[in-house]
Protein backbone atom coordinates (compact mmCIF):
# COMPACT_ATOMS: atom_id res chain seq x y z
CA UNK A 1 18.85 -14.44 60.77
CA UNK A 2 15.33 -15.94 62.57
CA UNK A 3 14.91 -19.58 61.13
CA UNK A 4 11.29 -18.71 60.07
CA UNK A 5 12.28 -16.29 57.39
CA UNK A 6 14.77 -18.94 56.22
CA UNK A 7 12.22 -20.63 53.52
CA UNK A 8 10.84 -17.22 52.49
CA UNK A 9 14.30 -16.04 51.85
CA UNK A 10 15.17 -18.80 49.84
CA UNK A 11 12.23 -18.69 47.63
CA UNK A 12 12.52 -15.13 46.92
CA UNK A 13 15.93 -15.52 45.88
CA UNK A 14 15.12 -18.15 43.68
CA UNK A 15 12.31 -16.23 42.49
CA UNK A 16 14.55 -13.33 41.55
CA UNK A 17 17.64 -15.56 40.09
CA UNK A 18 14.63 -16.65 37.85
CA UNK A 19 13.40 -13.01 36.75
CA UNK A 20 16.90 -11.99 35.94
CA UNK A 21 17.75 -15.23 33.85
CA UNK A 22 14.48 -14.93 31.77
CA UNK A 23 15.14 -11.37 31.20
CA UNK A 24 18.70 -12.06 29.88
CA UNK A 25 17.92 -15.00 27.88
CA UNK A 26 17.75 -14.70 24.35
CA UNK A 27 14.38 -14.31 22.30
CA UNK A 28 14.20 -16.91 19.65
CA UNK A 29 11.07 -15.66 18.69
CA UNK A 30 11.46 -13.76 15.87
CA UNK A 31 8.18 -11.82 14.39
CA UNK A 32 7.28 -13.03 10.91
CA UNK A 33 8.56 -10.77 8.21
CA UNK A 34 6.26 -8.16 6.83
CA UNK A 35 5.14 -8.85 3.08
CA UNK A 36 7.06 -6.90 0.81
CA UNK A 37 4.63 -6.85 -2.16
CA UNK A 38 1.05 -5.42 -1.74
CA UNK A 39 -2.07 -4.94 -4.03
CA UNK A 40 -1.66 -8.53 -5.51
CA UNK A 41 2.21 -8.12 -5.89
CA UNK A 42 1.44 -5.12 -8.22
CA UNK A 43 3.17 -2.66 -5.65
CA UNK A 44 6.05 -2.77 -3.07
CA UNK A 45 6.11 -2.00 0.34
CA UNK A 46 8.87 0.81 -0.10
CA UNK A 47 6.77 2.91 -3.02
CA UNK A 48 3.68 2.05 -0.76
CA UNK A 49 5.24 4.21 1.88
CA UNK A 50 6.21 7.33 -0.23
CA UNK A 51 2.57 8.17 1.03
CA UNK A 52 2.98 9.36 4.70
CA UNK A 53 0.36 11.27 6.65
CA UNK A 54 2.96 12.07 9.10
CA UNK A 55 1.43 10.12 12.05
CA UNK A 56 3.94 6.62 11.60
CA UNK A 57 2.54 3.08 11.92
CA UNK A 58 3.36 0.11 9.61
CA UNK A 59 2.15 0.00 6.13
CA UNK A 60 -0.37 -3.11 5.19
CA UNK A 61 -3.02 -3.62 2.82
CA UNK A 62 -6.64 -4.89 2.39
CA UNK A 63 -6.92 -6.92 -1.02
CA UNK A 64 -9.85 -7.48 -2.69
CA UNK A 65 -11.17 -8.90 -6.09
CA UNK A 66 -14.51 -8.69 -7.86
CA UNK A 67 -16.08 -9.76 -11.26
CA UNK A 68 -16.23 -6.10 -13.24
CA UNK A 69 -19.74 -4.77 -13.60
CA UNK A 70 -21.53 -5.11 -16.71
CA UNK A 71 -19.58 -6.76 -19.42
CA UNK A 72 -16.23 -5.80 -17.64
CA UNK A 73 -14.38 -8.64 -16.29
CA UNK A 74 -11.70 -7.26 -14.21
CA UNK A 75 -12.03 -5.29 -10.58
CA UNK A 76 -9.00 -5.61 -8.07
CA UNK A 77 -8.27 -3.26 -5.79
CA UNK A 78 -6.53 -2.54 -2.55
CA UNK A 79 -6.67 -0.02 0.24
CA UNK A 80 -3.23 0.76 1.48
CA UNK A 81 -3.08 1.53 5.13
CA UNK A 82 -1.23 2.50 8.17
CA UNK A 83 -1.46 1.31 11.86
CA UNK A 84 -2.03 3.33 14.55
CA UNK A 85 0.40 3.05 17.42
CA UNK A 86 -1.14 1.73 20.21
CA UNK A 87 -4.37 0.81 18.79
CA UNK A 88 -5.81 -2.18 16.27
CA UNK A 89 -7.31 1.03 14.30
CA UNK A 90 -5.77 1.09 11.10
CA UNK A 91 -6.40 4.23 8.52
CA UNK A 92 -6.38 4.24 5.16
CA UNK A 93 -3.85 5.99 3.03
CA UNK A 94 -5.06 5.12 -0.53
CA UNK A 95 -6.59 2.66 -2.76
CA UNK A 96 -4.83 1.22 -5.75
CA UNK A 97 -7.97 -0.37 -8.49
CA UNK A 98 -6.72 -2.28 -11.57
CA UNK A 99 -9.89 -2.39 -13.95
CA UNK A 100 -10.83 -2.83 -17.60
CA UNK A 101 -13.09 0.12 -19.10
CA UNK A 102 -14.78 0.69 -22.42
CA UNK A 103 -14.37 4.37 -22.21
CA UNK A 104 -10.90 5.68 -23.02
CA UNK A 105 -9.30 7.29 -19.68
CA UNK A 106 -8.73 10.83 -20.64
CA UNK A 107 -6.14 13.36 -18.60
CA UNK A 108 -7.79 15.30 -15.90
CA UNK A 109 -7.48 19.09 -15.63
CA UNK A 110 -4.35 20.15 -14.10
CA UNK A 111 -2.95 16.78 -14.34
CA UNK A 112 0.76 16.09 -15.27
CA UNK A 113 2.04 13.19 -17.81
CA UNK A 114 3.72 9.98 -16.30
CA UNK A 115 6.38 10.25 -18.41
CA UNK A 116 8.23 8.28 -20.60
CA UNK A 117 6.86 4.82 -21.28
CA UNK A 118 3.65 5.60 -19.28
CA UNK A 119 0.08 6.39 -20.52
CA UNK A 120 -1.63 8.38 -18.16
CA UNK A 121 -1.66 11.29 -16.02
CA UNK A 122 -0.96 12.15 -12.19
CA UNK A 123 -2.54 14.66 -9.93
CA UNK A 124 -1.72 14.68 -5.91
CA UNK A 125 -5.29 12.80 -5.16
CA UNK A 126 -5.51 10.59 -8.12
CA UNK A 127 -3.42 9.15 -10.97
CA UNK A 128 -4.33 6.66 -13.65
CA UNK A 129 -2.20 4.69 -15.91
CA UNK A 130 -3.71 2.76 -18.98
CA UNK A 131 -1.69 -0.19 -20.10
CA UNK A 132 -1.10 -1.83 -23.45
CA UNK A 133 -4.24 -2.96 -25.70
CA UNK A 134 -3.08 -6.86 -25.49
CA UNK A 135 -3.12 -6.45 -21.56
CA UNK A 136 -7.10 -6.34 -21.02
CA UNK A 137 -7.42 -9.51 -23.73
CA UNK A 138 -4.90 -11.23 -21.73
CA UNK A 139 -7.43 -10.83 -18.51
CA UNK A 140 -10.16 -12.52 -20.62
CA UNK A 141 -11.79 -8.94 -20.85
CA UNK A 142 -13.45 -7.77 -23.89
CA UNK A 143 -12.75 -4.32 -22.99
CA UNK A 144 -10.50 -2.59 -24.93
CA UNK A 145 -8.80 -0.74 -21.48
CA UNK A 146 -6.86 -1.98 -18.64
CA UNK A 147 -6.23 0.73 -16.28
CA UNK A 148 -4.66 1.19 -12.79
CA UNK A 149 -5.77 3.61 -10.59
CA UNK A 150 -3.79 5.53 -7.56
CA UNK A 151 -7.18 7.54 -5.18
CA UNK A 152 -6.41 9.04 -2.19
CA UNK A 153 -9.09 10.26 0.32
CA UNK A 154 -10.46 13.55 -0.67
CA UNK A 155 -9.41 16.49 1.64
CA UNK A 156 -11.71 19.00 0.23
CA UNK A 157 -10.21 22.41 0.44
CA UNK A 158 -6.75 21.06 1.63
CA UNK A 159 -5.37 21.15 -2.19
CA UNK A 160 -5.67 24.86 -2.00
CA UNK A 161 -3.91 25.29 1.07
CA UNK A 162 -0.60 23.01 -0.39
CA UNK A 163 2.11 24.93 -1.64
CA UNK A 164 3.44 24.30 -5.21
CA UNK A 165 6.84 22.32 -3.87
CA UNK A 166 3.96 19.79 -1.69
CA UNK A 167 1.75 19.77 -4.40
CA UNK A 168 4.88 18.66 -7.06
CA UNK A 169 6.03 16.01 -4.33
CA UNK A 170 2.54 14.81 -4.27
CA UNK A 171 2.08 14.40 -7.98
CA UNK A 172 5.72 12.38 -7.96
CA UNK A 173 4.21 10.49 -5.40
CA UNK A 174 1.27 9.64 -7.23
CA UNK A 175 2.98 8.79 -10.40
CA UNK A 176 5.28 6.73 -8.81
CA UNK A 177 2.96 4.54 -7.36
CA UNK A 178 0.94 4.12 -10.20
CA UNK A 179 3.84 3.65 -12.87
CA UNK A 180 5.51 0.80 -10.70
CA UNK A 181 1.73 -0.69 -10.22
CA UNK A 182 1.25 -0.62 -13.82
CA UNK A 183 4.46 -1.92 -14.64
CA UNK A 184 4.02 -4.87 -12.50
CA UNK A 185 0.70 -5.16 -13.45
CA UNK A 186 1.83 -5.81 -17.25
CA UNK A 187 4.62 -8.10 -16.19
CA UNK A 188 1.77 -10.10 -13.67
CA UNK A 189 -0.49 -10.58 -16.86
CA UNK A 190 2.38 -10.74 -19.43
CA UNK A 191 1.56 -8.10 -22.07
CA UNK A 192 2.92 -5.64 -23.75
CA UNK A 193 5.26 -2.98 -22.24
CA UNK A 194 3.81 0.04 -21.14
């Protein structure tokens, strides 16, 4: 070997060994664990993942709290989203809103009851539960009702295209979300069982 190439050979050998060592070295830096509770503790990540648009991505939530409008005192909400693979943009899956209300929330046309232990109704794109009378008072509201509402983005025309199995699954999912959120809000507020 020509002596003028010896330093280059040594440098390349050392660099190659460093690359191999770095690749095999264990990565001690762990990503922080994703929060398991979303929407101010009202919803678990597992239940939020029931709503799936088929495009993948991690579930996250943007939460907000604001004073109610007029003489109401409670308005908390969150938008549950999924990350788009390969970009920083997130797409909204649904909103969850906790608010006090002056008027009795009645059922919607073609809605399904939430089931035993819960007052409320569910549709594929919306569901509402109202909590026991003492819940609104516990939040400092003078309104008689405290509600938890699930709202999916409107997809005009798509609802008619769903077959009955898809519609039933969507209703079960929206009902599961609003039932869990209502139970957790009641627990967090410290009011009667739904």
